[in-house]
Amino acid sequence: METSNESYGKDFILLGFSDQPQLEQVISGVVFISYLVTLVGNTTIILLSYLDPQLHTPMYFFLSNLSFLDLCYTTSIVPQMLVNLWGPKKSITYGGCVLQFFFALDLGATECLLLAVMAYDRYAALCQPLHYTVIMHPQLCQKMVVVSWLGGLGSALILCSLTLKLPRCGNREVDNFFCKMPALVKMACVYSKVIDIVVTTLGVIFLLLPLSLILISYGVITCAVTRIKSTSRWSKILNTCGSHLTVVALFYGTLIYMYMKPQNSTSQDEGKFITLFYTIITPSLNPLIYTLRNKDVKNSVKKILCSPK
């Protein structure tokens, strides 16, 4: 079998939802609206966290990083996706495909670690309130965010280098709406056990381990909360923790369903719609989840809008 990478440097074909043309217009509308909500919502959170001194806390520092991450993630996917949905061509350049692939891995792994960091912040705030400012000092917060970003970068570099070396034997069709790892591995004309081992190992490090830490943190928080008799304090805790838990459930729930179950038990179309949900829909829901019931953010918006020019 010829295994030379003769398609390197050539455009790839993103098949996307081309087998369901009747759905493409609906999907493009949903994607466009979700992207606008993502841009406006996450940009608002970043600006408020920067402009309002009352939001200069670890919680909003981490939240602004999550918002920036979601902006980068969706922007690496949506513009090219809309071009392909609205136009006759379904192609993407080799360089564009590599960038999509890299950013999807990098930002996805970073978000896994960042959500775990945010859970630890909630644990420190609720279980160690008297020592919170000492525990979560600015230098530690910055280091935790840097480690999250560098961890995502390292995993992306490893998986990118391994995947892009696989011979494709001229295959240029990516069976998804963006260049994600399973679709690119599927294009290869040889099987790589090394990639399977690396993916499993990194899946434990970046998916199962952070999720375990999140669940442990909220287990301890739950035990502490059950001893609180104040109704108003209960309400405040549920608001702050409920938002983060909702985001965790949406993000990890779809990822685990997608990657931790047997691949042959998920149809290709089902996999595309699940991917659509956690790459496009979830980032647009995050700012809404964190702000709709958040009095601090609402007060910050009022203060900035009503302040004298």
Protein backbone atom coordinates (compact mmCIF):
# COMPACT_ATOMS: atom_id res chain seq x y z
CA MET A 1 0.00 0.00 0.00
CA GLU A 2 1.24 3.49 -0.88
CA THR A 3 1.53 5.52 2.31
CA SER A 4 3.13 8.71 1.12
CA ASN A 5 1.50 11.91 2.28
CA GLU A 6 0.76 13.20 -1.19
CA SER A 7 -2.08 15.39 0.09
CA TYR A 8 0.12 17.49 2.38
CA GLY A 9 -0.18 21.14 1.42
CA LYS A 10 -3.42 20.60 -0.48
CA ASP A 11 -6.90 21.73 0.55
CA PHE A 12 -9.00 19.38 2.65
CA ILE A 13 -12.71 18.79 2.16
CA LEU A 14 -14.89 19.31 5.24
CA LEU A 15 -17.89 17.08 4.66
CA GLY A 16 -19.80 18.56 7.59
CA PHE A 17 -23.55 18.12 7.12
CA SER A 18 -23.41 17.90 3.31
CA ASP A 19 -25.30 14.61 3.41
CA GLN A 20 -28.24 16.53 4.95
CA PRO A 21 -28.49 19.68 2.78
CA GLN A 22 -31.99 20.43 4.06
CA LEU A 23 -30.52 20.99 7.54
CA GLU A 24 -27.58 23.16 6.52
CA GLN A 25 -29.56 26.43 6.48
CA VAL A 26 -31.05 25.72 9.89
CA ILE A 27 -27.67 24.75 11.30
CA SER A 28 -26.00 27.84 9.81
CA GLY A 29 -28.63 30.07 11.44
CA VAL A 30 -28.19 28.43 14.84
CA VAL A 31 -24.40 28.63 14.54
CA PHE A 32 -24.48 32.31 13.49
CA ILE A 33 -26.77 33.34 16.37
CA SER A 34 -24.80 31.29 18.89
CA TYR A 35 -21.55 32.87 17.71
CA LEU A 36 -22.95 36.39 18.11
CA VAL A 37 -24.15 35.55 21.63
CA THR A 38 -20.71 34.07 22.40
CA LEU A 39 -18.93 37.20 21.16
CA VAL A 40 -21.17 39.65 23.01
CA GLY A 41 -21.55 37.64 26.24
CA ASN A 42 -17.92 36.65 26.73
CA THR A 43 -16.56 40.04 25.69
CA THR A 44 -18.91 41.68 28.21
CA ILE A 45 -17.64 39.43 31.02
CA ILE A 46 -13.99 40.19 30.15
CA LEU A 47 -14.62 43.97 30.03
CA LEU A 48 -16.63 44.01 33.27
CA SER A 49 -13.98 41.95 35.07
CA TYR A 50 -11.34 44.46 33.93
CA LEU A 51 -13.26 47.72 34.42
CA ASP A 52 -15.04 47.13 37.75
CA PRO A 53 -12.66 47.04 40.76
CA GLN A 54 -15.27 45.09 42.75
CA LEU A 55 -14.87 42.22 40.28
CA HIS A 56 -11.10 42.06 40.75
CA THR A 57 -11.42 38.76 42.62
CA PRO A 58 -10.08 35.26 41.86
CA MET A 59 -13.54 34.06 40.76
CA TYR A 60 -13.86 36.71 38.05
CA PHE A 61 -10.20 36.42 37.10
CA PHE A 62 -10.78 32.75 36.30
CA LEU A 63 -14.13 33.50 34.67
CA SER A 64 -12.58 36.11 32.36
CA ASN A 65 -9.96 33.55 31.33
CA LEU A 66 -12.72 31.04 30.60
CA SER A 67 -14.53 33.67 28.51
CA PHE A 68 -11.36 34.48 26.55
CA LEU A 69 -10.81 30.76 25.99
CA ASP A 70 -14.36 30.31 24.66
CA LEU A 71 -13.93 33.29 22.33
CA CYS A 72 -10.75 31.81 20.86
CA TYR A 73 -12.27 28.33 20.61
CA THR A 74 -15.39 29.33 18.70
CA THR A 75 -13.52 31.83 16.51
CA SER A 76 -11.15 29.07 15.38
CA ILE A 77 -14.14 27.06 14.11
CA VAL A 78 -17.19 29.18 13.28
CA PRO A 79 -16.01 31.59 10.52
CA GLN A 80 -14.73 28.74 8.31
CA MET A 81 -17.80 26.67 9.14
CA LEU A 82 -20.16 29.47 8.05
CA VAL A 83 -18.21 30.00 4.82
CA ASN A 84 -18.61 26.31 4.02
CA LEU A 85 -22.30 26.24 4.98
CA TRP A 86 -23.16 29.34 2.93
CA GLY A 87 -20.98 28.64 -0.10
CA PRO A 88 -20.69 25.87 -2.67
CA LYS A 89 -17.19 24.86 -1.56
CA LYS A 90 -16.57 22.76 1.54
CA SER A 91 -12.81 23.10 1.52
CA ILE A 92 -10.21 24.31 4.02
CA THR A 93 -6.52 24.85 3.41
CA TYR A 94 -4.02 22.44 4.91
CA GLY A 95 -2.64 25.22 7.14
CA GLY A 96 -6.14 26.21 8.24
CA CYS A 97 -6.94 22.61 9.09
CA VAL A 98 -3.77 22.26 11.17
CA LEU A 99 -4.60 25.47 13.07
CA GLN A 100 -8.17 24.33 13.76
CA PHE A 101 -6.90 20.97 14.94
CA PHE A 102 -4.25 22.52 17.19
CA PHE A 103 -6.53 25.14 18.79
CA ALA A 104 -9.31 22.61 19.39
CA LEU A 105 -6.90 20.37 21.32
CA ASP A 106 -5.12 23.21 23.10
CA LEU A 107 -8.21 25.13 24.22
CA GLY A 108 -10.24 22.02 25.03
CA ALA A 109 -7.54 20.65 27.36
CA THR A 110 -7.02 24.10 28.91
CA GLU A 111 -10.73 24.39 29.68
CA CYS A 112 -10.70 21.01 31.45
CA LEU A 113 -7.92 22.23 33.76
CA LEU A 114 -9.42 25.71 34.20
CA LEU A 115 -12.78 24.33 35.33
CA ALA A 116 -10.95 22.27 37.96
CA VAL A 117 -9.11 25.40 39.13
CA MET A 118 -12.43 27.23 39.42
CA ALA A 119 -13.83 24.38 41.52
CA TYR A 120 -10.86 24.68 43.90
CA ASP A 121 -11.49 28.43 44.12
CA ARG A 122 -15.13 27.76 45.16
CA TYR A 123 -13.90 25.23 47.74
CA ALA A 124 -11.47 27.75 49.24
CA ALA A 125 -14.13 30.49 49.29
CA LEU A 126 -16.83 28.39 50.95
CA CYS A 127 -14.87 25.98 53.15
CA GLN A 128 -11.97 28.27 54.17
CA PRO A 129 -13.61 31.74 54.13
CA LEU A 130 -11.37 33.24 56.83
CA HIS A 131 -8.22 32.21 54.98
CA TYR A 132 -9.54 32.70 51.43
CA THR A 133 -7.54 35.82 50.58
CA VAL A 134 -4.37 34.16 51.89
CA ILE A 135 -4.97 30.88 50.01
CA MET A 136 -6.07 32.42 46.71
CA HIS A 137 -3.54 35.25 46.52
CA PRO A 138 -3.01 36.86 43.08
CA GLN A 139 0.33 35.14 42.43
CA LEU A 140 -1.17 31.69 43.00
CA CYS A 141 -4.17 32.49 40.78
CA GLN A 142 -1.86 33.61 37.98
CA LYS A 143 0.29 30.50 38.33
CA MET A 144 -2.76 28.22 38.22
CA VAL A 145 -4.00 29.87 35.04
CA VAL A 146 -0.53 29.70 33.45
CA VAL A 147 -0.27 26.00 34.31
CA SER A 148 -3.71 25.41 32.75
CA TRP A 149 -2.72 27.14 29.51
CA LEU A 150 0.69 25.47 29.35
CA GLY A 151 -0.85 22.07 30.08
CA GLY A 152 -3.27 22.50 27.19
CA LEU A 153 -0.44 23.67 24.93
CA GLY A 154 1.72 20.68 25.80
CA SER A 155 -1.02 18.13 25.12
CA ALA A 156 -1.88 19.82 21.82
CA LEU A 157 1.73 19.77 20.64
CA ILE A 158 2.07 16.06 21.46
CA LEU A 159 -1.16 14.99 19.74
CA CYS A 160 -0.66 17.29 16.75
CA SER A 161 2.83 16.02 16.05
CA LEU A 162 1.70 12.38 16.27
CA THR A 163 -1.48 12.80 14.22
CA LEU A 164 0.00 14.89 11.42
CA LYS A 165 2.73 12.29 10.84
CA LEU A 166 0.15 9.63 9.97
CA PRO A 167 0.12 8.78 6.23
CA ARG A 168 -3.18 9.63 4.55
CA CYS A 169 -2.52 8.05 1.13
CA GLY A 170 -4.09 11.01 -0.66
CA ASN A 171 -7.26 11.06 1.45
CA ARG A 172 -8.49 14.65 1.76
CA GLU A 173 -12.04 14.25 3.12
CA VAL A 174 -12.58 15.18 6.78
CA ASP A 175 -15.87 13.69 7.94
CA ASN A 176 -16.85 16.58 10.22
CA PHE A 177 -17.51 20.33 10.11
CA PHE A 178 -14.02 21.19 11.41
CA CYS A 179 -10.65 19.49 11.69
CA LYS A 180 -10.94 17.53 14.94
CA MET A 181 -8.68 14.72 15.98
CA PRO A 182 -10.92 11.61 15.53
CA ALA A 183 -11.80 12.71 11.98
CA LEU A 184 -8.13 13.28 11.08
CA VAL A 185 -7.05 9.95 12.59
CA LYS A 186 -9.82 8.25 10.62
CA MET A 187 -8.30 9.67 7.41
CA ALA A 188 -5.07 7.76 7.97
CA CYS A 189 -4.48 4.60 5.99
CA VAL A 190 -2.57 2.91 8.85
CA TYR A 191 -3.46 2.12 12.45
CA SER A 192 -1.37 3.73 15.20
CA LYS A 193 -1.41 2.04 18.60
CA VAL A 194 0.86 4.79 19.93
CA ILE A 195 -1.83 7.41 19.34
CA ASP A 196 -4.42 5.25 21.08
CA ILE A 197 -2.17 4.94 24.14
CA VAL A 198 -1.33 8.66 24.19
CA VAL A 199 -4.99 9.68 23.77
CA THR A 200 -6.05 7.37 26.60
CA THR A 201 -3.29 8.68 28.88
CA LEU A 202 -4.05 12.33 28.14
CA GLY A 203 -7.77 11.61 28.49
CA VAL A 204 -7.17 10.45 32.07
CA ILE A 205 -4.94 13.47 32.83
CA PHE A 206 -7.09 16.16 31.23
CA LEU A 207 -10.59 14.71 31.52
CA LEU A 208 -11.04 12.17 34.29
CA LEU A 209 -8.54 13.62 36.78
CA PRO A 210 -9.87 17.23 36.65
CA LEU A 211 -13.44 15.93 36.82
CA SER A 212 -12.55 13.84 39.87
CA LEU A 213 -11.02 16.90 41.56
CA ILE A 214 -14.16 18.93 40.76
CA LEU A 215 -16.43 16.26 42.23
CA ILE A 216 -14.25 15.97 45.36
CA SER A 217 -14.29 19.77 45.79
CA TYR A 218 -18.07 19.93 45.55
CA GLY A 219 -18.41 16.89 47.80
CA VAL A 220 -16.52 18.76 50.53
CA ILE A 221 -18.53 21.93 49.79
CA THR A 222 -21.79 19.98 50.12
CA CYS A 223 -20.74 18.65 53.53
CA ALA A 224 -19.89 22.19 54.67
CA VAL A 225 -23.09 23.69 53.28
CA THR A 226 -25.33 21.19 55.08
CA ARG A 227 -24.15 22.69 58.39
CA ILE A 228 -25.25 26.20 57.40
CA LYS A 229 -28.64 27.31 58.77
CA SER A 230 -28.84 30.74 57.15
CA THR A 231 -31.29 30.77 54.21
CA SER A 232 -29.68 33.81 52.57
CA ARG A 233 -26.23 32.20 52.71
CA TRP A 234 -27.67 29.00 51.26
CA SER A 235 -29.11 30.99 48.36
CA LYS A 236 -25.81 32.76 47.67
CA ILE A 237 -23.85 29.50 47.70
CA LEU A 238 -26.32 27.81 45.38
CA ASN A 239 -26.10 30.73 42.95
CA THR A 240 -22.31 30.79 42.75
CA CYS A 241 -21.76 27.02 42.78
CA GLY A 242 -24.81 26.20 40.66
CA SER A 243 -23.49 28.25 37.74
CA HIS A 244 -20.12 26.50 37.75
CA LEU A 245 -21.67 23.05 38.17
CA THR A 246 -24.01 23.69 35.23
CA VAL A 247 -21.06 24.61 32.98
CA VAL A 248 -19.12 21.56 34.21
CA ALA A 249 -22.09 19.28 33.51
CA LEU A 250 -22.55 20.64 29.98
CA PHE A 251 -18.87 20.54 29.07
CA TYR A 252 -17.77 17.29 30.69
CA GLY A 253 -21.07 15.53 30.05
CA THR A 254 -20.83 15.91 26.28
CA LEU A 255 -17.09 15.18 26.19
CA ILE A 256 -17.41 12.00 28.24
CA TYR A 257 -20.39 10.85 26.19
CA MET A 258 -18.43 11.54 23.02
CA TYR A 259 -15.02 10.12 23.88
CA MET A 260 -15.37 7.69 26.77
CA LYS A 261 -18.01 5.41 25.26
CA PRO A 262 -17.20 2.84 22.54
CA GLN A 263 -16.72 4.70 19.26
CA ASN A 264 -18.77 2.21 17.25
CA SER A 265 -21.79 2.84 19.51
CA THR A 266 -22.11 6.45 18.32
CA SER A 267 -23.29 7.10 14.78
CA GLN A 268 -21.37 9.62 12.69
CA ASP A 269 -24.33 12.02 12.52
CA GLU A 270 -24.92 11.78 16.27
CA GLY A 271 -21.25 12.50 16.86
CA LYS A 272 -21.41 15.62 14.69
CA PHE A 273 -24.40 17.02 16.57
CA ILE A 274 -22.77 16.30 19.94
CA THR A 275 -19.62 18.05 18.70
CA LEU A 276 -21.75 20.96 17.49
CA PHE A 277 -23.24 21.27 20.97
CA TYR A 278 -20.01 21.41 22.98
CA THR A 279 -18.02 23.49 20.47
CA ILE A 280 -20.66 26.06 19.43
CA ILE A 281 -23.69 26.00 21.74
CA THR A 282 -21.99 25.56 25.14
CA PRO A 283 -19.64 28.59 24.77
CA SER A 284 -22.70 30.76 24.04
CA LEU A 285 -24.50 29.44 27.13
CA ASN A 286 -21.58 29.96 29.54
CA PRO A 287 -21.88 33.78 29.84
CA LEU A 288 -25.65 33.50 30.24
CA ILE A 289 -25.31 30.85 32.95
CA TYR A 290 -22.78 32.93 34.88
CA THR A 291 -24.56 36.29 34.59
CA LEU A 292 -28.34 35.81 34.59
CA ARG A 293 -28.53 35.13 38.34
CA ASN A 294 -25.36 36.96 39.31
CA LYS A 295 -26.06 40.16 41.25
CA ASP A 296 -22.41 41.28 41.15
CA VAL A 297 -22.37 41.28 37.35
CA LYS A 298 -25.79 42.99 37.12
CA ASN A 299 -24.68 45.71 39.53
CA SER A 300 -21.44 46.13 37.58
CA VAL A 301 -23.35 46.61 34.32
CA LYS A 302 -25.64 49.21 35.94
CA LYS A 303 -22.69 51.03 37.49
CA ILE A 304 -20.76 51.26 34.21
CA LEU A 305 -23.81 52.18 32.08
CA CYS A 306 -25.10 54.77 34.56
CA SER A 307 -21.76 56.33 35.51
CA PRO A 308 -21.31 59.97 34.45
CA LYS A 309 -19.30 60.40 31.28
